[in-house]
Amino acid sequence: MQPLVEGDEEDAGAVCSGTTEHLAHRADLFDLWVDVDAATVTPTAAAKEDFLLTSVHRDVAGLLSRAAASPDAADAPLVAEVEAKTRELLNKLRTLAEQEDSGLLSRQALYDQLPNRALARFLFNVALAEGLADLGADADDLVACCDDDDDAPGPHPAAEEGEGE
């Protein structure tokens, strides 16, 4: 298995794979450890909140499990069901975004509207990927999380000094 890295070495977003088991103890190298042989997926402590399962995950996992257990399961109906669940999720996000003055969702707006913080966090990440999110105050946290000099989330040093306002 060859490693796959997207972007250059300076890029914070990378996808890697390998067959070296000793890397499982190097949590500084990954956010999510997938052990295919053991059929386990384990997030690191730092990434645990980003990988909490929500009712959305359980619904899709249940759908896939039922399809896998059925001897009559066919790909087309399964793909159609997953597509319908995805469309339903995106429609809900669009409805929530329309309720905001900016027409975009902020993490805080989702926290305010949803009692489940893990679900709000997951939905914000989906909204971000779909262009339905307003980073606003979250932009400083995002920059700080990607800054190699400081692993702790929080405002970017430039934001603390009043730069970029």
Protein backbone atom coordinates (compact mmCIF):
# COMPACT_ATOMS: atom_id res chain seq x y z
CA MET A 1 0.00 0.00 0.00
CA GLN A 2 1.48 3.33 -1.05
CA PRO A 3 0.87 6.52 0.95
CA LEU A 4 -1.28 9.17 -0.65
CA VAL A 5 -0.63 12.78 0.24
CA GLU A 6 -2.68 15.63 -1.17
CA GLY A 7 -1.14 19.09 -1.33
CA ASP A 8 2.42 20.07 -0.52
CA GLU A 9 4.30 19.44 2.73
CA GLU A 10 3.14 22.79 4.12
CA ASP A 11 -0.52 21.86 3.55
CA ALA A 12 -2.46 20.93 6.70
CA GLY A 13 -4.81 18.62 4.76
CA ALA A 14 -3.28 15.25 3.95
CA VAL A 15 -4.49 11.71 3.54
CA CYS A 16 -2.05 8.95 4.38
CA SER A 17 -2.25 5.21 4.42
CA GLY A 18 0.14 2.44 5.24
CA THR A 19 0.57 -1.02 6.65
CA THR A 20 2.98 -0.25 9.48
CA GLU A 21 1.28 -1.13 12.76
CA HIS A 22 3.73 0.80 14.97
CA LEU A 23 2.29 4.04 13.57
CA ALA A 24 -0.88 3.38 15.59
CA HIS A 25 1.01 4.77 18.59
CA ARG A 26 2.00 7.97 16.76
CA ALA A 27 -1.19 9.98 17.28
CA ASP A 28 0.69 13.12 16.22
CA LEU A 29 0.61 11.78 12.66
CA PHE A 30 -3.13 11.27 12.24
CA ASP A 31 -6.61 12.17 13.49
CA LEU A 32 -8.28 8.86 12.75
CA TRP A 33 -6.76 5.37 12.91
CA VAL A 34 -8.53 2.78 10.74
CA ASP A 35 -7.54 -0.82 11.42
CA VAL A 36 -9.06 -2.80 8.58
CA ASP A 37 -8.02 -6.20 9.97
CA ALA A 38 -9.66 -5.53 13.34
CA ALA A 39 -12.58 -3.64 11.76
CA THR A 40 -12.07 -0.69 14.12
CA VAL A 41 -11.95 3.05 13.68
CA THR A 42 -10.35 5.07 16.48
CA PRO A 43 -10.04 8.87 16.65
CA THR A 44 -7.18 10.47 18.55
CA ALA A 45 -7.99 12.31 21.78
CA ALA A 46 -7.50 15.66 20.02
CA ALA A 47 -9.95 14.75 17.25
CA LYS A 48 -12.50 12.82 19.30
CA GLU A 49 -15.14 15.59 19.27
CA ASP A 50 -14.95 15.79 15.47
CA PHE A 51 -15.73 12.09 15.14
CA LEU A 52 -18.58 11.60 17.60
CA LEU A 53 -21.43 9.59 16.12
CA THR A 54 -24.79 11.29 15.85
CA SER A 55 -28.27 10.09 14.96
CA VAL A 56 -27.46 10.87 11.31
CA HIS A 57 -24.49 8.49 11.41
CA ARG A 58 -26.51 5.80 13.18
CA ASP A 59 -29.33 6.07 10.61
CA VAL A 60 -26.95 5.63 7.68
CA ALA A 61 -25.01 2.86 9.46
CA GLY A 62 -28.29 1.05 10.17
CA LEU A 63 -29.32 1.38 6.55
CA LEU A 64 -25.99 -0.01 5.35
CA SER A 65 -26.03 -2.83 7.93
CA ARG A 66 -29.54 -3.92 6.93
CA ALA A 67 -28.54 -3.87 3.27
CA ALA A 68 -25.40 -5.90 3.95
CA ALA A 69 -27.42 -8.51 5.89
CA SER A 70 -30.02 -8.87 3.14
CA PRO A 71 -29.27 -11.52 0.51
CA ASP A 72 -31.48 -9.61 -1.94
CA ALA A 73 -29.73 -6.25 -1.51
CA ALA A 74 -28.88 -4.48 -4.75
CA ASP A 75 -26.58 -1.50 -5.20
CA ALA A 76 -29.00 0.83 -7.01
CA PRO A 77 -31.71 0.95 -4.32
CA LEU A 78 -29.07 1.33 -1.59
CA VAL A 79 -27.41 4.22 -3.42
CA ALA A 80 -30.83 5.81 -3.90
CA GLU A 81 -31.59 5.54 -0.17
CA VAL A 82 -28.22 7.05 0.83
CA GLU A 83 -28.77 9.81 -1.74
CA ALA A 84 -32.23 10.52 -0.31
CA LYS A 85 -30.84 10.71 3.26
CA THR A 86 -28.10 13.06 2.05
CA ARG A 87 -30.61 15.26 0.22
CA GLU A 88 -32.82 15.35 3.36
CA LEU A 89 -29.85 16.42 5.49
CA LEU A 90 -28.83 19.17 3.05
CA ASN A 91 -32.42 20.43 2.82
CA LYS A 92 -32.56 20.70 6.62
CA LEU A 93 -29.29 22.64 6.61
CA ARG A 94 -30.61 24.99 3.92
CA THR A 95 -33.77 25.57 5.97
CA LEU A 96 -31.70 26.37 9.07
CA ALA A 97 -29.45 28.70 7.03
CA GLU A 98 -32.46 30.58 5.64
CA GLN A 99 -33.44 31.46 9.22
CA GLU A 100 -30.15 33.35 9.68
CA ASP A 101 -29.83 37.03 8.69
CA SER A 102 -26.78 36.25 6.56
CA GLY A 103 -28.37 33.18 5.00
CA LEU A 104 -25.40 31.19 6.31
CA LEU A 105 -24.99 29.03 9.39
CA SER A 106 -22.53 29.76 12.15
CA ARG A 107 -21.37 27.18 14.63
CA GLN A 108 -22.97 29.20 17.43
CA ALA A 109 -26.32 29.34 15.61
CA LEU A 110 -26.33 25.54 15.38
CA TYR A 111 -25.34 25.22 19.03
CA ASP A 112 -28.22 27.54 19.93
CA GLN A 113 -30.77 25.64 17.80
CA LEU A 114 -29.74 22.06 18.60
CA PRO A 115 -29.46 20.51 22.06
CA ASN A 116 -26.91 17.92 20.86
CA ARG A 117 -23.51 19.63 20.48
CA ALA A 118 -22.02 16.67 18.59
CA LEU A 119 -24.82 16.90 16.02
CA ALA A 120 -24.41 20.69 15.79
CA ARG A 121 -20.66 20.27 15.24
CA PHE A 122 -21.18 17.60 12.56
CA LEU A 123 -23.83 19.69 10.79
CA PHE A 124 -21.55 22.75 10.85
CA ASN A 125 -18.80 20.71 9.17
CA VAL A 126 -21.27 19.53 6.51
CA ALA A 127 -22.55 23.10 6.06
CA LEU A 128 -18.96 24.29 5.69
CA ALA A 129 -18.29 21.69 3.00
CA GLU A 130 -21.50 22.66 1.18
CA GLY A 131 -20.87 26.42 1.28
CA LEU A 132 -23.71 27.01 3.75
CA ALA A 133 -21.52 28.10 6.67
CA ASP A 134 -20.30 31.47 7.84
CA LEU A 135 -16.95 31.08 9.56
CA GLY A 136 -17.16 34.53 11.17
CA ALA A 137 -15.73 34.14 14.67
CA ASP A 138 -14.88 30.51 13.87
CA ALA A 139 -12.28 31.65 11.30
CA ASP A 140 -9.79 32.53 14.04
CA ASP A 141 -10.19 29.08 15.58
CA LEU A 142 -9.77 27.45 12.17
CA VAL A 143 -6.55 29.37 11.49
CA ALA A 144 -5.22 28.54 14.97
CA CYS A 145 -5.99 24.85 14.51
CA CYS A 146 -3.98 24.79 11.29
CA ASP A 147 -1.06 26.80 12.69
CA ASP A 148 1.96 24.52 13.22
CA ASP A 149 3.38 26.80 15.93
CA ASP A 150 0.40 26.46 18.26
CA ASP A 151 -1.63 23.26 18.60
CA ALA A 152 -4.15 24.73 21.04
CA PRO A 153 -7.41 26.00 19.58
CA GLY A 154 -8.09 29.67 20.10
CA PRO A 155 -7.70 33.02 18.41
CA HIS A 156 -4.88 33.40 15.93
CA PRO A 157 -2.03 35.56 17.31
CA ALA A 158 -2.68 38.20 14.63
CA ALA A 159 -6.30 38.44 15.75
CA GLU A 160 -5.20 38.95 19.36
CA GLU A 161 -2.96 41.83 18.32
CA GLY A 162 -5.81 43.52 16.48
CA GLU A 163 -4.38 42.81 13.02
CA GLY A 164 -6.70 41.90 10.20
CA GLU A 165 -9.73 43.64 11.72
